[in-house]
Amino acid sequence: METQQGSNFQSTTRIMKDMINPSDLDKIVKNQTEIHQILESTASSLTQFNEFSSTKYDELAKKFELHTKCIKEMKIDLEYIFKKLRLLRTKIASQHPDAFEQVEKKLPKKDEDDD
């Protein structure tokens, strides 16, 4: 039975081979080779780009972390400065109420929430 299947397989492949024009087969193989080369080149380019992107991301992530830390520290510093300014303003207003009132009249009104 195995020899019969083997001979059937061989005869089927021979029939299929005879059905295909050799020049068409060569064109198909050539096109597949070209496509394969293009895909390999594209894959190589994408790999290089991914490596480059990964390196740049690592660099920028470190800088971003440092800048974020700096901004948070600046916010804390500014909150401290505005707190001290409010305390000084209150102290001056209590020690020199007449002068403070005259200065407030000359300056435009500002909401306390803006600090």
PDB file of N, CA and C in Angstrom:
ATOM      1  N   MET A   1       0.825  -1.188   0.000  1.00  0.00           N
ATOM      2  CA  MET A   1       0.000   0.000   0.000  1.00  0.00           C
ATOM      3  C   MET A   1       0.874   1.258   0.000  1.00  0.00           C
ATOM      4  N   GLU A   2       1.999   1.183   0.733  1.00  0.00           N
ATOM      5  CA  GLU A   2       2.879   2.348   0.783  1.00  0.00           C
ATOM      6  C   GLU A   2       3.474   2.649  -0.581  1.00  0.00           C
ATOM      7  N   THR A   3       3.823   1.646  -1.340  1.00  0.00           N
ATOM      8  CA  THR A   3       4.375   1.870  -2.673  1.00  0.00           C
ATOM      9  C   THR A   3       3.331   2.474  -3.599  1.00  0.00           C
ATOM     10  N   GLN A   4       2.081   2.074  -3.398  1.00  0.00           N
ATOM     11  CA  GLN A   4       1.019   2.639  -4.225  1.00  0.00           C
ATOM     12  C   GLN A   4       0.836   4.125  -3.888  1.00  0.00           C
ATOM     13  N   GLN A   5       0.877   4.464  -2.589  1.00  0.00           N
ATOM     14  CA  GLN A   5       0.741   5.873  -2.185  1.00  0.00           C
ATOM     15  C   GLN A   5       1.932   6.679  -2.684  1.00  0.00           C
ATOM     16  N   GLY A   6       3.125   6.080  -2.597  1.00  0.00           N
ATOM     17  CA  GLY A   6       4.328   6.754  -3.074  1.00  0.00           C
ATOM     18  C   GLY A   6       4.255   7.012  -4.563  1.00  0.00           C
ATOM     19  N   SER A   7       3.788   6.025  -5.322  1.00  0.00           N
ATOM     20  CA  SER A   7       3.710   6.203  -6.769  1.00  0.00           C
ATOM     21  C   SER A   7       2.600   7.190  -7.124  1.00  0.00           C
ATOM     22  N   ASN A   8       1.483   7.188  -6.355  1.00  0.00           N
ATOM     23  CA  ASN A   8       0.415   8.179  -6.569  1.00  0.00           C
ATOM     24  C   ASN A   8       0.940   9.596  -6.303  1.00  0.00           C
ATOM     25  N   PHE A   9       1.708   9.723  -5.250  1.00  0.00           N
ATOM     26  CA  PHE A   9       2.278  11.032  -4.895  1.00  0.00           C
ATOM     27  C   PHE A   9       3.205  11.505  -6.002  1.00  0.00           C
ATOM     28  N   GLN A  10       4.062  10.625  -6.468  1.00  0.00           N
ATOM     29  CA  GLN A  10       5.002  10.988  -7.528  1.00  0.00           C
ATOM     30  C   GLN A  10       4.269  11.351  -8.814  1.00  0.00           C
ATOM     31  N   SER A  11       3.271  10.606  -9.159  1.00  0.00           N
ATOM     32  CA  SER A  11       2.540  10.910 -10.390  1.00  0.00           C
ATOM     33  C   SER A  11       1.778  12.232 -10.251  1.00  0.00           C
ATOM     34  N   THR A  12       1.232  12.487  -9.057  1.00  0.00           N
ATOM     35  CA  THR A  12       0.513  13.751  -8.835  1.00  0.00           C
ATOM     36  C   THR A  12       1.470  14.926  -8.930  1.00  0.00           C
ATOM     37  N   THR A  13       2.625  14.813  -8.312  1.00  0.00           N
ATOM     38  CA  THR A  13       3.591  15.912  -8.371  1.00  0.00           C
ATOM     39  C   THR A  13       4.102  16.115  -9.790  1.00  0.00           C
ATOM     40  N   ARG A  14       4.277  15.033 -10.552  1.00  0.00           N
ATOM     41  CA  ARG A  14       4.729  15.139 -11.937  1.00  0.00           C
ATOM     42  C   ARG A  14       3.674  15.858 -12.778  1.00  0.00           C
ATOM     43  N   ILE A  15       2.415  15.529 -12.551  1.00  0.00           N
ATOM     44  CA  ILE A  15       1.325  16.172 -13.296  1.00  0.00           C
ATOM     45  C   ILE A  15       1.276  17.664 -12.963  1.00  0.00           C
ATOM     46  N   MET A  16       1.412  17.986 -11.681  1.00  0.00           N
ATOM     47  CA  MET A  16       1.373  19.395 -11.276  1.00  0.00           C
ATOM     48  C   MET A  16       2.577  20.150 -11.834  1.00  0.00           C
ATOM     49  N   LYS A  17       3.718  19.492 -11.854  1.00  0.00           N
ATOM     50  CA  LYS A  17       4.927  20.126 -12.383  1.00  0.00           C
ATOM     51  C   LYS A  17       4.765  20.401 -13.868  1.00  0.00           C
ATOM     52  N   ASP A  18       4.182  19.511 -14.572  1.00  0.00           N
ATOM     53  CA  ASP A  18       3.962  19.698 -16.008  1.00  0.00           C
ATOM     54  C   ASP A  18       2.933  20.797 -16.281  1.00  0.00           C
ATOM     55  N   MET A  19       2.042  21.044 -15.345  1.00  0.00           N
ATOM     56  CA  MET A  19       1.012  22.077 -15.532  1.00  0.00           C
ATOM     57  C   MET A  19       1.589  23.488 -15.404  1.00  0.00           C
ATOM     58  N   ILE A  20       2.705  23.616 -14.688  1.00  0.00           N
ATOM     59  CA  ILE A  20       3.278  24.942 -14.436  1.00  0.00           C
ATOM     60  C   ILE A  20       4.358  25.227 -15.474  1.00  0.00           C
ATOM     61  N   ASN A  21       4.292  26.391 -16.047  1.00  0.00           N
ATOM     62  CA  ASN A  21       5.276  26.840 -17.015  1.00  0.00           C
ATOM     63  C   ASN A  21       6.573  27.179 -16.253  1.00  0.00           C
ATOM     64  N   PRO A  22       7.723  26.647 -16.654  1.00  0.00           N
ATOM     65  CA  PRO A  22       8.984  26.901 -15.940  1.00  0.00           C
ATOM     66  C   PRO A  22       9.347  28.383 -15.852  1.00  0.00           C
ATOM     67  N   SER A  23       9.040  29.163 -16.866  1.00  0.00           N
ATOM     68  CA  SER A  23       9.361  30.601 -16.809  1.00  0.00           C
ATOM     69  C   SER A  23       8.474  31.297 -15.775  1.00  0.00           C
ATOM     70  N   ASP A  24       7.213  30.867 -15.673  1.00  0.00           N
ATOM     71  CA  ASP A  24       6.331  31.432 -14.639  1.00  0.00           C
ATOM     72  C   ASP A  24       6.834  31.061 -13.249  1.00  0.00           C
ATOM     73  N   LEU A  25       7.284  29.834 -13.125  1.00  0.00           N
ATOM     74  CA  LEU A  25       7.823  29.391 -11.841  1.00  0.00           C
ATOM     75  C   LEU A  25       9.070  30.184 -11.470  1.00  0.00           C
ATOM     76  N   ASP A  26       9.923  30.451 -12.442  1.00  0.00           N
ATOM     77  CA  ASP A  26      11.126  31.257 -12.197  1.00  0.00           C
ATOM     78  C   ASP A  26      10.749  32.680 -11.760  1.00  0.00           C
ATOM     79  N   LYS A  27       9.721  33.252 -12.413  1.00  0.00           N
ATOM     80  CA  LYS A  27       9.257  34.600 -12.037  1.00  0.00           C
ATOM     81  C   LYS A  27       8.736  34.608 -10.598  1.00  0.00           C
ATOM     82  N   ILE A  28       7.987  33.573 -10.237  1.00  0.00           N
ATOM     83  CA  ILE A  28       7.446  33.479  -8.877  1.00  0.00           C
ATOM     84  C   ILE A  28       8.572  33.387  -7.856  1.00  0.00           C
ATOM     85  N   VAL A  29       9.560  32.542  -8.154  1.00  0.00           N
ATOM     86  CA  VAL A  29      10.698  32.388  -7.239  1.00  0.00           C
ATOM     87  C   VAL A  29      11.474  33.697  -7.138  1.00  0.00           C
ATOM     88  N   LYS A  30      11.678  34.375  -8.261  1.00  0.00           N
ATOM     89  CA  LYS A  30      12.398  35.653  -8.267  1.00  0.00           C
ATOM     90  C   LYS A  30      11.646  36.693  -7.421  1.00  0.00           C
ATOM     91  N   ASN A  31      10.322  36.779  -7.629  1.00  0.00           N
ATOM     92  CA  ASN A  31       9.509  37.729  -6.852  1.00  0.00           C
ATOM     93  C   ASN A  31       9.563  37.408  -5.355  1.00  0.00           C
ATOM     94  N   GLN A  32       9.488  36.129  -5.026  1.00  0.00           N
ATOM     95  CA  GLN A  32       9.551  35.737  -3.619  1.00  0.00           C
ATOM     96  C   GLN A  32      10.908  36.095  -3.023  1.00  0.00           C
ATOM     97  N   THR A  33      11.971  35.913  -3.793  1.00  0.00           N
ATOM     98  CA  THR A  33      13.310  36.259  -3.312  1.00  0.00           C
ATOM     99  C   THR A  33      13.423  37.764  -3.069  1.00  0.00           C
ATOM    100  N   GLU A  34      12.918  38.565  -4.005  1.00  0.00           N
ATOM    101  CA  GLU A  34      12.950  40.026  -3.854  1.00  0.00           C
ATOM    102  C   GLU A  34      12.148  40.465  -2.623  1.00  0.00           C
ATOM    103  N   ILE A  35      10.974  39.893  -2.485  1.00  0.00           N
ATOM    104  CA  ILE A  35      10.128  40.242  -1.327  1.00  0.00           C
ATOM    105  C   ILE A  35      10.814  39.835  -0.031  1.00  0.00           C
ATOM    106  N   HIS A  36      11.443  38.684  -0.040  1.00  0.00           N
ATOM    107  CA  HIS A  36      12.159  38.216   1.149  1.00  0.00           C
ATOM    108  C   HIS A  36      13.289  39.186   1.511  1.00  0.00           C
ATOM    109  N   GLN A  37      14.037  39.660   0.521  1.00  0.00           N
ATOM    110  CA  GLN A  37      15.124  40.611   0.769  1.00  0.00           C
ATOM    111  C   GLN A  37      14.578  41.937   1.309  1.00  0.00           C
ATOM    112  N   ILE A  38      13.480  42.392   0.737  1.00  0.00           N
ATOM    113  CA  ILE A  38      12.862  43.643   1.206  1.00  0.00           C
ATOM    114  C   ILE A  38      12.407  43.490   2.653  1.00  0.00           C
ATOM    115  N   LEU A  39      11.782  42.363   2.959  1.00  0.00           N
ATOM    116  CA  LEU A  39      11.306  42.136   4.330  1.00  0.00           C
ATOM    117  C   LEU A  39      12.465  42.037   5.315  1.00  0.00           C
ATOM    118  N   GLU A  40      13.562  41.396   4.914  1.00  0.00           N
ATOM    119  CA  GLU A  40      14.736  41.324   5.788  1.00  0.00           C
ATOM    120  C   GLU A  40      15.310  42.711   6.039  1.00  0.00           C
ATOM    121  N   SER A  41      15.392  43.520   4.985  1.00  0.00           N
ATOM    122  CA  SER A  41      15.901  44.892   5.120  1.00  0.00           C
ATOM    123  C   SER A  41      14.999  45.718   6.035  1.00  0.00           C
ATOM    124  N   THR A  42      13.699  45.580   5.845  1.00  0.00           N
ATOM    125  CA  THR A  42      12.733  46.309   6.682  1.00  0.00           C
ATOM    126  C   THR A  42      12.835  45.871   8.133  1.00  0.00           C
ATOM    127  N   ALA A  43      12.955  44.578   8.352  1.00  0.00           N
ATOM    128  CA  ALA A  43      13.078  44.065   9.722  1.00  0.00           C
ATOM    129  C   ALA A  43      14.351  44.591  10.372  1.00  0.00           C
ATOM    130  N   SER A  44      15.432  44.642   9.606  1.00  0.00           N
ATOM    131  CA  SER A  44      16.696  45.165  10.129  1.00  0.00           C
ATOM    132  C   SER A  44      16.556  46.647  10.492  1.00  0.00           C
ATOM    133  N   SER A  45      15.919  47.411   9.602  1.00  0.00           N
ATOM    134  CA  SER A  45      15.702  48.842   9.869  1.00  0.00           C
ATOM    135  C   SER A  45      14.853  49.045  11.117  1.00  0.00           C
ATOM    136  N   LEU A  46      13.805  48.267  11.249  1.00  0.00           N
ATOM    137  CA  LEU A  46      12.933  48.386  12.425  1.00  0.00           C
ATOM    138  C   LEU A  46      13.665  48.012  13.708  1.00  0.00           C
ATOM    139  N   THR A  47      14.514  47.002  13.638  1.00  0.00           N
ATOM    140  CA  THR A  47      15.292  46.607  14.811  1.00  0.00           C
ATOM    141  C   THR A  47      16.235  47.732  15.231  1.00  0.00           C
ATOM    142  N   GLN A  48      16.911  48.331  14.252  1.00  0.00           N
ATOM    143  CA  GLN A  48      17.815  49.450  14.551  1.00  0.00           C
ATOM    144  C   GLN A  48      17.044  50.633  15.131  1.00  0.00           C
ATOM    145  N   PHE A  49      15.894  50.925  14.546  1.00  0.00           N
ATOM    146  CA  PHE A  49      15.087  52.040  15.046  1.00  0.00           C
ATOM    147  C   PHE A  49      14.608  51.767  16.474  1.00  0.00           C
ATOM    148  N   ASN A  50      14.193  50.543  16.750  1.00  0.00           N
ATOM    149  CA  ASN A  50      13.742  50.191  18.102  1.00  0.00           C
ATOM    150  C   ASN A  50      14.874  50.328  19.113  1.00  0.00           C
ATOM    151  N   GLU A  51      16.070  49.924  18.739  1.00  0.00           N
ATOM    152  CA  GLU A  51      17.221  50.070  19.637  1.00  0.00           C
ATOM    153  C   GLU A  51      17.518  51.545  19.880  1.00  0.00           C
ATOM    154  N   PHE A  52      17.503  52.339  18.809  1.00  0.00           N
ATOM    155  CA  PHE A  52      17.730  53.786  18.931  1.00  0.00           C
ATOM    156  C   PHE A  52      16.662  54.419  19.819  1.00  0.00           C
ATOM    157  N   SER A  53      15.402  54.066  19.569  1.00  0.00           N
ATOM    158  CA  SER A  53      14.291  54.620  20.357  1.00  0.00           C
ATOM    159  C   SER A  53      14.417  54.251  21.825  1.00  0.00           C
ATOM    160  N   SER A  54      14.806  53.038  22.084  1.00  0.00           N
ATOM    161  CA  SER A  54      14.964  52.586  23.465  1.00  0.00           C
ATOM    162  C   SER A  54      16.051  53.382  24.178  1.00  0.00           C
ATOM    163  N   THR A  55      17.157  53.602  23.497  1.00  0.00           N
ATOM    164  CA  THR A  55      18.262  54.380  24.075  1.00  0.00           C
ATOM    165  C   THR A  55      17.812  55.814  24.360  1.00  0.00           C
ATOM    166  N   LYS A  56      17.170  56.430  23.388  1.00  0.00           N
ATOM    167  CA  LYS A  56      16.707  57.817  23.564  1.00  0.00           C
ATOM    168  C   LYS A  56      15.661  57.911  24.665  1.00  0.00           C
ATOM    169  N   TYR A  57      14.768  56.935  24.727  1.00  0.00           N
ATOM    170  CA  TYR A  57      13.742  56.935  25.764  1.00  0.00           C
ATOM    171  C   TYR A  57      14.391  56.875  27.147  1.00  0.00           C
ATOM    172  N   ASP A  58      15.389  56.011  27.303  1.00  0.00           N
ATOM    173  CA  ASP A  58      16.079  55.909  28.597  1.00  0.00           C
ATOM    174  C   ASP A  58      16.728  57.234  28.978  1.00  0.00           C
ATOM    175  N   GLU A  59      17.379  57.882  28.007  1.00  0.00           N
ATOM    176  CA  GLU A  59      18.016  59.179  28.272  1.00  0.00           C
ATOM    177  C   GLU A  59      16.977  60.226  28.676  1.00  0.00           C
ATOM    178  N   LEU A  60      15.908  60.303  27.901  1.00  0.00           N
ATOM    179  CA  LEU A  60      14.890  61.325  28.163  1.00  0.00           C
ATOM    180  C   LEU A  60      14.106  61.039  29.440  1.00  0.00           C
ATOM    181  N   ALA A  61      13.915  59.787  29.761  1.00  0.00           N
ATOM    182  CA  ALA A  61      13.202  59.450  30.992  1.00  0.00           C
ATOM    183  C   ALA A  61      13.996  59.926  32.209  1.00  0.00           C
ATOM    184  N   LYS A  62      15.325  59.786  32.159  1.00  0.00           N
ATOM    185  CA  LYS A  62      16.168  60.268  33.260  1.00  0.00           C
ATOM    186  C   LYS A  62      16.078  61.787  33.375  1.00  0.00           C
ATOM    187  N   LYS A  63      16.162  62.488  32.231  1.00  0.00           N
ATOM    188  CA  LYS A  63      16.062  63.949  32.252  1.00  0.00           C
ATOM    189  C   LYS A  63      14.692  64.389  32.757  1.00  0.00           C
ATOM    190  N   PHE A  64      13.651  63.705  32.298  1.00  0.00           N
ATOM    191  CA  PHE A  64      12.294  64.040  32.719  1.00  0.00           C
ATOM    192  C   PHE A  64      12.144  63.874  34.230  1.00  0.00           C
ATOM    193  N   GLU A  65      12.707  62.814  34.762  1.00  0.00           N
ATOM    194  CA  GLU A  65      12.641  62.567  36.207  1.00  0.00           C
ATOM    195  C   GLU A  65      13.352  63.680  36.974  1.00  0.00           C
ATOM    196  N   LEU A  66      14.518  64.097  36.490  1.00  0.00           N
ATOM    197  CA  LEU A  66      15.259  65.187  37.143  1.00  0.00           C
ATOM    198  C   LEU A  66      14.483  66.504  37.069  1.00  0.00           C
ATOM    199  N   HIS A  67      13.898  66.783  35.906  1.00  0.00           N
ATOM    200  CA  HIS A  67      13.132  68.029  35.751  1.00  0.00           C
ATOM    201  C   HIS A  67      11.891  68.019  36.639  1.00  0.00           C
ATOM    202  N   THR A  68      11.238  66.876  36.732  1.00  0.00           N
ATOM    203  CA  THR A  68      10.063  66.761  37.596  1.00  0.00           C
ATOM    204  C   THR A  68      10.441  67.005  39.045  1.00  0.00           C
ATOM    205  N   LYS A  69      11.550  66.430  39.472  1.00  0.00           N
ATOM    206  CA  LYS A  69      12.033  66.629  40.841  1.00  0.00           C
ATOM    207  C   LYS A  69      12.346  68.107  41.087  1.00  0.00           C
ATOM    208  N   CYS A  70      12.984  68.741  40.104  1.00  0.00           N
ATOM    209  CA  CYS A  70      13.326  70.166  40.224  1.00  0.00           C
ATOM    210  C   CYS A  70      12.053  71.021  40.343  1.00  0.00           C
ATOM    211  N   ILE A  71      11.050  70.729  39.540  1.00  0.00           N
ATOM    212  CA  ILE A  71       9.801  71.497  39.580  1.00  0.00           C
ATOM    213  C   ILE A  71       9.094  71.314  40.925  1.00  0.00           C
ATOM    214  N   LYS A  72       9.097  70.105  41.451  1.00  0.00           N
ATOM    215  CA  LYS A  72       8.475  69.862  42.756  1.00  0.00           C
ATOM    216  C   LYS A  72       9.202  70.635  43.854  1.00  0.00           C
ATOM    217  N   GLU A  73      10.536  70.665  43.776  1.00  0.00           N
ATOM    218  CA  GLU A  73      11.306  71.424  44.762  1.00  0.00           C
ATOM    219  C   GLU A  73      11.030  72.926  44.632  1.00  0.00           C
ATOM    220  N   MET A  74      10.911  73.401  43.395  1.00  0.00           N
ATOM    221  CA  MET A  74      10.598  74.819  43.178  1.00  0.00           C
ATOM    222  C   MET A  74       9.221  75.159  43.736  1.00  0.00           C
ATOM    223  N   LYS A  75       8.272  74.255  43.578  1.00  0.00           N
ATOM    224  CA  LYS A  75       6.923  74.478  44.103  1.00  0.00           C
ATOM    225  C   LYS A  75       6.965  74.604  45.622  1.00  0.00           C
ATOM    226  N   ILE A  76       7.702  73.711  46.259  1.00  0.00           N
ATOM    227  CA  ILE A  76       7.830  73.778  47.725  1.00  0.00           C
ATOM    228  C   ILE A  76       8.471  75.095  48.141  1.00  0.00           C
ATOM    229  N   ASP A  77       9.528  75.506  47.418  1.00  0.00           N
ATOM    230  CA  ASP A  77      10.205  76.763  47.724  1.00  0.00           C
ATOM    231  C   ASP A  77       9.263  77.955  47.553  1.00  0.00           C
ATOM    232  N   LEU A  78       8.507  77.957  46.468  1.00  0.00           N
ATOM    233  CA  LEU A  78       7.579  79.067  46.228  1.00  0.00           C
ATOM    234  C   LEU A  78       6.467  79.110  47.283  1.00  0.00           C
ATOM    235  N   GLU A  79       5.970  77.951  47.669  1.00  0.00           N
ATOM    236  CA  GLU A  79       4.955  77.922  48.727  1.00  0.00           C
ATOM    237  C   GLU A  79       5.519  78.511  50.019  1.00  0.00           C
ATOM    238  N   TYR A  80       6.762  78.195  50.329  1.00  0.00           N
ATOM    239  CA  TYR A  80       7.408  78.736  51.531  1.00  0.00           C
ATOM    240  C   TYR A  80       7.565  80.255  51.415  1.00  0.00           C
ATOM    241  N   ILE A  81       7.983  80.724  50.240  1.00  0.00           N
ATOM    242  CA  ILE A  81       8.165  82.165  50.031  1.00  0.00           C
ATOM    243  C   ILE A  81       6.834  82.901  50.188  1.00  0.00           C
ATOM    244  N   PHE A  82       5.765  82.401  49.562  1.00  0.00           N
ATOM    245  CA  PHE A  82       4.464  83.064  49.661  1.00  0.00           C
ATOM    246  C   PHE A  82       3.918  83.025  51.090  1.00  0.00           C
ATOM    247  N   LYS A  83       4.200  81.953  51.797  1.00  0.00           N
ATOM    248  CA  LYS A  83       3.786  81.876  53.195  1.00  0.00           C
ATOM    249  C   LYS A  83       4.486  82.962  54.001  1.00  0.00           C
ATOM    250  N   LYS A  84       5.794  83.128  53.790  1.00  0.00           N
ATOM    251  CA  LYS A  84       6.562  84.167  54.494  1.00  0.00           C
ATOM    252  C   LYS A  84       6.060  85.556  54.104  1.00  0.00           C
ATOM    253  N   LEU A  85       5.754  85.756  52.822  1.00  0.00           N
ATOM    254  CA  LEU A  85       5.242  87.063  52.391  1.00  0.00           C
ATOM    255  C   LEU A  85       3.899  87.384  53.051  1.00  0.00           C
ATOM    256  N   ARG A  86       3.035  86.370  53.160  1.00  0.00           N
ATOM    257  CA  ARG A  86       1.743  86.609  53.833  1.00  0.00           C
ATOM    258  C   ARG A  86       1.957  86.956  55.311  1.00  0.00           C
ATOM    259  N   LEU A  87       2.897  86.266  55.946  1.00  0.00           N
ATOM    260  CA  LEU A  87       3.192  86.564  57.349  1.00  0.00           C
ATOM    261  C   LEU A  87       3.752  87.980  57.505  1.00  0.00           C
ATOM    262  N   LEU A  88       4.670  88.366  56.609  1.00  0.00           N
ATOM    263  CA  LEU A  88       5.218  89.734  56.652  1.00  0.00           C
ATOM    264  C   LEU A  88       4.127  90.772  56.417  1.00  0.00           C
ATOM    265  N   ARG A  89       3.265  90.486  55.475  1.00  0.00           N
ATOM    266  CA  ARG A  89       2.171  91.413  55.179  1.00  0.00           C
ATOM    267  C   ARG A  89       1.258  91.590  56.409  1.00  0.00           C
ATOM    268  N   THR A  90       0.937  90.475  57.052  1.00  0.00           N
ATOM    269  CA  THR A  90       0.099  90.532  58.250  1.00  0.00           C
ATOM    270  C   THR A  90       0.809  91.299  59.361  1.00  0.00           C
ATOM    271  N   LYS A  91       2.091  91.046  59.507  1.00  0.00           N
ATOM    272  CA  LYS A  91       2.876  91.716  60.558  1.00  0.00           C
ATOM    273  C   LYS A  91       2.953  93.225  60.304  1.00  0.00           C
ATOM    274  N   ILE A  92       3.212  93.606  59.052  1.00  0.00           N
ATOM    275  CA  ILE A  92       3.280  95.040  58.721  1.00  0.00           C
ATOM    276  C   ILE A  92       1.915  95.688  58.897  1.00  0.00           C
ATOM    277  N   ALA A  93       0.860  94.977  58.503  1.00  0.00           N
ATOM    278  CA  ALA A  93      -0.499  95.515  58.637  1.00  0.00           C
ATOM    279  C   ALA A  93      -0.848  95.733  60.110  1.00  0.00           C
ATOM    280  N   SER A  94      -0.358  94.870  61.000  1.00  0.00           N
ATOM    281  CA  SER A  94      -0.674  95.045  62.419  1.00  0.00           C
ATOM    282  C   SER A  94       0.214  96.106  63.076  1.00  0.00           C
ATOM    283  N   GLN A  95       1.455  96.244  62.626  1.00  0.00           N
ATOM    284  CA  GLN A  95       2.369  97.231  63.214  1.00  0.00           C
ATOM    285  C   GLN A  95       2.142  98.637  62.661  1.00  0.00           C
ATOM    286  N   HIS A  96       1.798  98.750  61.399  1.00  0.00           N
ATOM    287  CA  HIS A  96       1.601 100.060  60.755  1.00  0.00           C
ATOM    288  C   HIS A  96       0.304 100.056  59.961  1.00  0.00           C
ATOM    289  N   PRO A  97      -0.832 100.017  60.643  1.00  0.00           N
ATOM    290  CA  PRO A  97      -2.116  99.885  59.941  1.00  0.00           C
ATOM    291  C   PRO A  97      -2.437 101.062  59.024  1.00  0.00           C
ATOM    292  N   ASP A  98      -2.101 102.295  59.436  1.00  0.00           N
ATOM    293  CA  ASP A  98      -2.429 103.459  58.597  1.00  0.00           C
ATOM    294  C   ASP A  98      -1.634 103.441  57.294  1.00  0.00           C
ATOM    295  N   ALA A  99      -0.350 103.216  57.391  1.00  0.00           N
ATOM    296  CA  ALA A  99       0.506 103.180  56.196  1.00  0.00           C
ATOM    297  C   ALA A  99       0.123 102.008  55.296  1.00  0.00           C
ATOM    298  N   PHE A 100      -0.182 100.881  55.895  1.00  0.00           N
ATOM    299  CA  PHE A 100      -0.554  99.696  55.111  1.00  0.00           C
ATOM    300  C   PHE A 100      -1.861  99.944  54.367  1.00  0.00           C
ATOM    301  N   GLU A 101      -2.795 100.614  55.027  1.00  0.00           N
ATOM    302  CA  GLU A 101      -4.092 100.911  54.399  1.00  0.00           C
ATOM    303  C   GLU A 101      -3.917 101.857  53.218  1.00  0.00           C
ATOM    304  N   GLN A 102      -3.023 102.840  53.355  1.00  0.00           N
ATOM    305  CA  GLN A 102      -2.772 103.774  52.249  1.00  0.00           C
ATOM    306  C   GLN A 102      -2.138 103.059  51.056  1.00  0.00           C
ATOM    307  N   VAL A 103      -1.226 102.138  51.335  1.00  0.00           N
ATOM    308  CA  VAL A 103      -0.573 101.390  50.253  1.00  0.00           C
ATOM    309  C   VAL A 103      -1.589 100.471  49.559  1.00  0.00           C
ATOM    310  N   GLU A 104      -2.450  99.844  50.320  1.00  0.00           N
ATOM    311  CA  GLU A 104      -3.459  98.961  49.731  1.00  0.00           C
ATOM    312  C   GLU A 104      -4.429  99.723  48.839  1.00  0.00           C
ATOM    313  N   LYS A 105      -4.712 100.963  49.194  1.00  0.00           N
ATOM    314  CA  LYS A 105      -5.622 101.772  48.373  1.00  0.00           C
ATOM    315  C   LYS A 105      -4.985 102.095  47.020  1.00  0.00           C
ATOM    316  N   LYS A 106      -3.666 102.279  47.000  1.00  0.00           N
ATOM    317  CA  LYS A 106      -2.975 102.623  45.757  1.00  0.00           C
ATOM    318  C   LYS A 106      -2.784 101.420  44.838  1.00  0.00           C
ATOM    319  N   LEU A 107      -2.668 100.222  45.410  1.00  0.00           N
ATOM    320  CA  LEU A 107      -2.439  99.021  44.618  1.00  0.00           C
ATOM    321  C   LEU A 107      -3.766  98.391  44.215  1.00  0.00           C
ATOM    322  N   PRO A 108      -3.800  97.754  43.048  1.00  0.00           N
ATOM    323  CA  PRO A 108      -5.038  97.079  42.653  1.00  0.00           C
ATOM    324  C   PRO A 108      -5.325  95.895  43.572  1.00  0.00           C
ATOM    325  N   LYS A 109      -6.609  95.633  43.757  1.00  0.00           N
ATOM    326  CA  LYS A 109      -7.039  94.557  44.647  1.00  0.00           C
ATOM    327  C   LYS A 109      -6.677  93.214  44.017  1.00  0.00           C
ATOM    328  N   LYS A 110      -6.138  92.301  44.827  1.00  0.00           N
ATOM    329  CA  LYS A 110      -5.759  90.967  44.355  1.00  0.00           C
ATOM    330  C   LYS A 110      -6.356  89.933  45.296  1.00  0.00           C
ATOM    331  N   ASP A 111      -6.906  88.855  44.722  1.00  0.00           N
ATOM    332  CA  ASP A 111      -7.487  87.789  45.543  1.00  0.00           C
ATOM    333  C   ASP A 111      -6.390  87.039  46.254  1.00  0.00           C
ATOM    334  N   GLU A 112      -6.686  86.560  47.445  1.00  0.00           N
ATOM    335  CA  GLU A 112      -5.718  85.773  48.227  1.00  0.00           C
ATOM    336  C   GLU A 112      -5.518  84.392  47.611  1.00  0.00           C
ATOM    337  N   ASP A 113      -6.494  83.902  46.849  1.00  0.00           N
ATOM    338  CA  ASP A 113      -6.414  82.560  46.257  1.00  0.00           C
ATOM    339  C   ASP A 113      -5.380  82.495  45.146  1.00  0.00           C
ATOM    340  N   ASP A 114      -4.987  83.628  44.588  1.00  0.00           N
ATOM    341  CA  ASP A 114      -4.032  83.643  43.478  1.00  0.00           C
ATOM    342  C   ASP A 114      -2.635  83.276  43.915  1.00  0.00           C
ATOM    343  N   ASP A 115      -2.358  83.352  45.208  1.00  0.00           N
ATOM    344  CA  ASP A 115      -1.015  83.034  45.696  1.00  0.00           C
ATOM    345  C   ASP A 115      -0.797  81.573  45.516  1.00  0.00           C
TER     346      ASP A 115
END
